[in-house]
Amino acid sequence: MHLNGHMVEGRGLVVVVEDEPSIADVERLYLTEAGFGVHVERGGVSGLAAIRRLHPVAIVLDVGLPGMDGIELCRALRAADDWTPVIFVTARDDEVDRVLGLELGADDYLTKPFSPRELVARLKGILRRQDGPGTSPPLTVGAVTLDRSRRTVVVDGTDAQLTTTEFDLLAKLMSAPGRVFSREQLLSSVWGHADYGGGRTVDVHVAQLRAKLGVASPIRTVRGVGYTAS
């Protein structure tokens, strides 16, 4: 299948927004070998336009872009209710950058230099979780109902707009109401790796979930242990 002159493989199209040609070429190579179609843009403004035009299944987004940086680009997408999965990549190993990216709704985060195989693995993991189980009964805790099959969350009759990772984190907590999950357990189960960003990553996503769910949020903190839904 072709889309605007770009070959789209069975896994769907990924838009890569990266201003370093050598890195973009490696990302394109590995993603193509993994079965994805790939469209590359070098700047934030052109990247945002391409994302809006092509509707990719996922976005690999450099933070340090000319014109419009990755943070601004992600903010523009989320403000327009575009929740396409985003993986941030950056040369800066700065917790402020990482936390800000996650607060804006990024699904994952890689710091350069990174293994391109790791990038592909994390992208596949996000999309696999997004597909979800074929059939699964809805989960309800308090005023929050989560439908894993349809990947929807309803709070007091109103749909909540969550990223893929926010949805998966909430689903994990709601799958066993009253059970306390440690940050390490959540990192392993939701992100698929136990050392990414430390517990701060989980904390930021929990804070985002609470903000979106409001007073109906079922998530409770168990000090010194982790989180539970009750």
Protein backbone atom coordinates (compact mmCIF):
# COMPACT_ATOMS: atom_id res chain seq x y z
CA MET A 1 0.00 0.00 0.00
CA HIS A 2 1.23 3.52 -0.82
CA LEU A 3 0.38 6.71 1.06
CA ASN A 4 1.37 10.05 -0.50
CA GLY A 5 4.24 8.31 -2.25
CA HIS A 6 5.42 6.48 0.86
CA MET A 7 5.24 2.72 1.21
CA VAL A 8 3.12 1.71 4.22
CA GLU A 9 3.84 -1.81 5.44
CA GLY A 10 1.56 -4.06 7.44
CA ARG A 11 2.44 -2.50 10.79
CA GLY A 12 1.45 0.99 9.68
CA LEU A 13 3.20 4.29 9.10
CA VAL A 14 5.57 5.88 11.63
CA VAL A 15 6.50 9.54 11.34
CA VAL A 16 10.08 10.23 12.49
CA VAL A 17 10.86 13.87 13.29
CA GLU A 18 14.65 14.09 13.62
CA ASP A 19 17.05 16.78 12.41
CA GLU A 20 20.21 14.65 12.51
CA PRO A 21 20.32 12.79 9.17
CA SER A 22 22.50 9.93 10.42
CA ILE A 23 20.13 9.18 13.31
CA ALA A 24 17.05 9.52 11.10
CA ASP A 25 18.58 7.11 8.57
CA VAL A 26 19.26 4.48 11.24
CA GLU A 27 15.76 4.85 12.68
CA ARG A 28 14.27 4.54 9.19
CA LEU A 29 16.35 1.42 8.47
CA TYR A 30 15.42 -0.46 11.63
CA LEU A 31 11.76 0.55 11.58
CA THR A 32 11.48 -0.46 7.91
CA GLU A 33 13.11 -3.81 8.63
CA ALA A 34 10.55 -4.30 11.42
CA GLY A 35 7.70 -3.88 8.92
CA PHE A 36 6.77 -0.23 9.40
CA GLY A 37 6.36 2.39 6.74
CA VAL A 38 8.49 5.43 7.62
CA HIS A 39 8.16 9.12 6.78
CA VAL A 40 10.97 11.42 7.98
CA GLU A 41 10.79 15.17 8.63
CA ARG A 42 13.73 17.32 9.76
CA GLY A 43 11.92 20.14 11.58
CA GLY A 44 9.12 20.61 14.05
CA VAL A 45 6.81 22.70 11.87
CA SER A 46 7.05 20.34 8.89
CA GLY A 47 6.80 17.39 11.29
CA LEU A 48 3.55 18.64 12.77
CA ALA A 49 2.12 19.23 9.29
CA ALA A 50 3.13 15.73 8.19
CA ILE A 51 1.58 14.12 11.27
CA ARG A 52 -1.70 15.94 10.69
CA ARG A 53 -1.66 14.99 7.01
CA LEU A 54 -0.56 11.35 7.26
CA HIS A 55 -2.23 10.18 10.51
CA PRO A 56 0.56 7.75 11.50
CA VAL A 57 0.22 4.88 13.96
CA ALA A 58 3.08 6.34 16.03
CA ILE A 59 5.57 9.21 16.19
CA VAL A 60 9.28 9.10 17.00
CA LEU A 61 10.03 12.66 18.08
CA ASP A 62 13.35 14.34 18.76
CA VAL A 63 13.19 16.99 21.49
CA GLY A 64 15.84 19.34 20.09
CA LEU A 65 14.34 20.36 16.74
CA PRO A 66 14.81 23.59 14.80
CA GLY A 67 11.90 26.03 14.60
CA MET A 68 9.45 24.15 16.79
CA ASP A 69 11.00 21.76 19.29
CA GLY A 70 9.59 18.35 20.18
CA ILE A 71 8.01 19.59 23.41
CA GLU A 72 6.06 22.26 21.52
CA LEU A 73 5.07 19.79 18.82
CA CYS A 74 3.74 17.26 21.32
CA ARG A 75 1.89 20.01 23.19
CA ALA A 76 0.20 21.07 19.91
CA LEU A 77 -0.88 17.51 19.17
CA ARG A 78 -2.35 16.88 22.61
CA ALA A 79 -4.09 20.27 22.64
CA ALA A 80 -5.84 19.17 19.43
CA ASP A 81 -6.88 15.86 21.07
CA ASP A 82 -4.43 13.89 18.91
CA TRP A 83 -3.30 11.00 21.13
CA THR A 84 -1.13 9.18 18.61
CA PRO A 85 1.58 7.32 20.58
CA VAL A 86 4.78 9.39 20.92
CA ILE A 87 8.28 8.22 21.80
CA PHE A 88 10.58 11.11 22.65
CA VAL A 89 14.29 10.86 21.85
CA THR A 90 16.78 13.45 23.04
CA ALA A 91 20.48 14.07 23.47
CA ARG A 92 19.81 15.59 26.88
CA ASP A 93 19.73 13.23 29.85
CA ASP A 94 17.80 15.77 31.86
CA GLU A 95 15.03 14.76 34.25
CA VAL A 96 13.27 18.08 33.65
CA ASP A 97 13.03 17.28 29.92
CA ARG A 98 11.90 13.75 30.66
CA VAL A 99 9.23 14.73 33.15
CA LEU A 100 7.94 17.58 30.97
CA GLY A 101 7.67 15.23 28.01
CA LEU A 102 5.74 12.68 30.04
CA GLU A 103 3.46 15.36 31.46
CA LEU A 104 2.62 16.41 27.90
CA GLY A 105 1.53 12.88 27.11
CA ALA A 106 4.58 11.11 25.70
CA ASP A 107 4.29 7.33 25.92
CA ASP A 108 7.99 6.58 26.26
CA TYR A 109 11.38 8.28 26.30
CA LEU A 110 14.85 7.35 25.01
CA THR A 111 18.09 9.25 25.57
CA LYS A 112 20.74 9.37 22.84
CA PRO A 113 22.75 7.34 22.18
CA PHE A 114 20.23 4.51 22.21
CA SER A 115 19.98 1.12 20.55
CA PRO A 116 17.75 1.24 17.46
CA ARG A 117 16.60 -2.26 18.38
CA GLU A 118 15.43 -0.85 21.72
CA LEU A 119 13.48 1.84 19.88
CA VAL A 120 11.75 -0.78 17.73
CA ALA A 121 11.02 -2.98 20.75
CA ARG A 122 9.46 -0.14 22.71
CA LEU A 123 7.40 1.02 19.74
CA LYS A 124 6.10 -2.50 19.14
CA GLY A 125 5.27 -2.78 22.83
CA ILE A 126 3.21 0.43 22.81
CA LEU A 127 1.30 -0.60 19.70
CA ARG A 128 0.74 -4.13 20.97
CA ARG A 129 -0.77 -2.78 24.17
CA GLN A 130 -2.86 -0.34 22.15
CA ASP A 131 -4.39 -3.24 20.20
CA GLY A 132 -5.47 -4.74 23.52
CA PRO A 133 -7.20 -8.07 24.14
CA GLY A 134 -9.80 -9.28 21.67
CA THR A 135 -12.60 -9.56 24.21
CA SER A 136 -12.50 -8.50 27.81
CA PRO A 137 -15.23 -7.40 30.22
CA PRO A 138 -15.19 -3.73 31.33
CA LEU A 139 -13.58 -2.84 34.65
CA THR A 140 -15.39 -0.51 37.04
CA VAL A 141 -14.00 1.06 40.19
CA GLY A 142 -16.20 3.77 41.70
CA ALA A 143 -17.31 6.19 38.99
CA VAL A 144 -14.63 5.05 36.51
CA THR A 145 -15.34 2.38 33.89
CA LEU A 146 -12.53 1.10 31.68
CA ASP A 147 -13.25 -1.01 28.60
CA ARG A 148 -10.10 -2.84 27.55
CA SER A 149 -11.61 -4.16 24.32
CA ARG A 150 -12.69 -0.72 23.09
CA ARG A 151 -9.85 1.06 24.93
CA THR A 152 -12.19 3.64 26.41
CA VAL A 153 -12.44 5.19 29.87
CA VAL A 154 -15.65 6.79 31.06
CA VAL A 155 -15.82 8.94 34.20
CA ASP A 156 -19.30 9.82 35.43
CA GLY A 157 -20.63 9.35 31.89
CA THR A 158 -17.90 11.42 30.21
CA ASP A 159 -15.11 9.99 28.04
CA ALA A 160 -11.58 10.58 29.34
CA GLN A 161 -8.83 11.15 26.75
CA LEU A 162 -5.78 9.09 27.78
CA THR A 163 -2.51 8.23 26.10
CA THR A 164 -1.78 4.57 25.42
CA THR A 165 0.52 4.37 28.43
CA GLU A 166 -1.88 6.20 30.75
CA PHE A 167 -4.64 3.79 29.70
CA ASP A 168 -2.43 0.75 30.31
CA LEU A 169 -1.35 2.00 33.72
CA LEU A 170 -4.96 2.61 34.79
CA ALA A 171 -6.00 -0.80 33.42
CA LYS A 172 -3.27 -2.51 35.44
CA LEU A 173 -4.35 -0.83 38.65
CA MET A 174 -8.05 -1.42 38.05
CA SER A 175 -7.51 -5.07 37.10
CA ALA A 176 -7.00 -5.91 40.78
CA PRO A 177 -8.87 -3.39 42.96
CA GLY A 178 -7.31 -3.08 46.39
CA ARG A 179 -4.03 -4.71 45.38
CA VAL A 180 -1.00 -2.52 45.92
CA PHE A 181 1.49 -2.45 43.05
CA SER A 182 5.04 -1.24 43.59
CA ARG A 183 6.55 1.21 41.12
CA GLU A 184 8.92 -1.54 39.93
CA GLN A 185 5.98 -3.88 39.25
CA LEU A 186 4.19 -1.19 37.28
CA LEU A 187 7.30 -0.30 35.27
CA SER A 188 7.79 -3.95 34.35
CA SER A 189 4.15 -4.66 33.54
CA VAL A 190 3.17 -1.45 31.74
CA TRP A 191 6.42 -0.24 30.17
CA GLY A 192 7.95 -3.68 29.74
CA HIS A 193 11.22 -2.78 31.44
CA ALA A 194 12.10 -2.20 35.06
CA ASP A 195 14.79 0.46 34.94
CA TYR A 196 13.28 3.17 32.74
CA GLY A 197 13.39 6.55 34.44
CA GLY A 198 12.98 5.07 37.91
CA GLY A 199 9.85 5.50 39.98
CA ARG A 200 9.54 9.11 38.86
CA THR A 201 8.13 7.91 35.53
CA VAL A 202 5.28 6.12 37.29
CA ASP A 203 4.66 9.08 39.59
CA VAL A 204 4.32 11.49 36.66
CA HIS A 205 1.85 9.24 34.84
CA VAL A 206 -0.19 8.74 38.01
CA ALA A 207 -0.32 12.51 38.48
CA GLN A 208 -1.52 12.93 34.90
CA LEU A 209 -4.19 10.26 35.37
CA ARG A 210 -5.45 11.90 38.55
CA ALA A 211 -5.66 15.25 36.80
CA LYS A 212 -7.67 13.77 33.93
CA LEU A 213 -9.98 11.65 36.10
CA GLY A 214 -10.57 14.41 38.64
CA VAL A 215 -12.17 13.74 42.00
CA ALA A 216 -13.45 10.40 40.69
CA SER A 217 -9.92 9.03 40.36
CA PRO A 218 -9.73 5.60 42.04
CA ILE A 219 -5.94 5.71 42.36
CA ARG A 220 -4.60 5.78 45.90
CA THR A 221 -1.01 6.19 47.09
CA VAL A 222 0.33 3.70 49.59
CA ARG A 223 3.23 5.57 51.07
CA GLY A 224 6.55 3.76 50.77
CA VAL A 225 5.03 0.97 48.66
CA GLY A 226 3.25 2.12 45.51
CA TYR A 227 -0.26 2.58 44.14
CA THR A 228 -3.63 0.88 44.20
CA ALA A 229 -7.10 1.41 42.74
CA SER A 230 -9.97 1.29 45.19
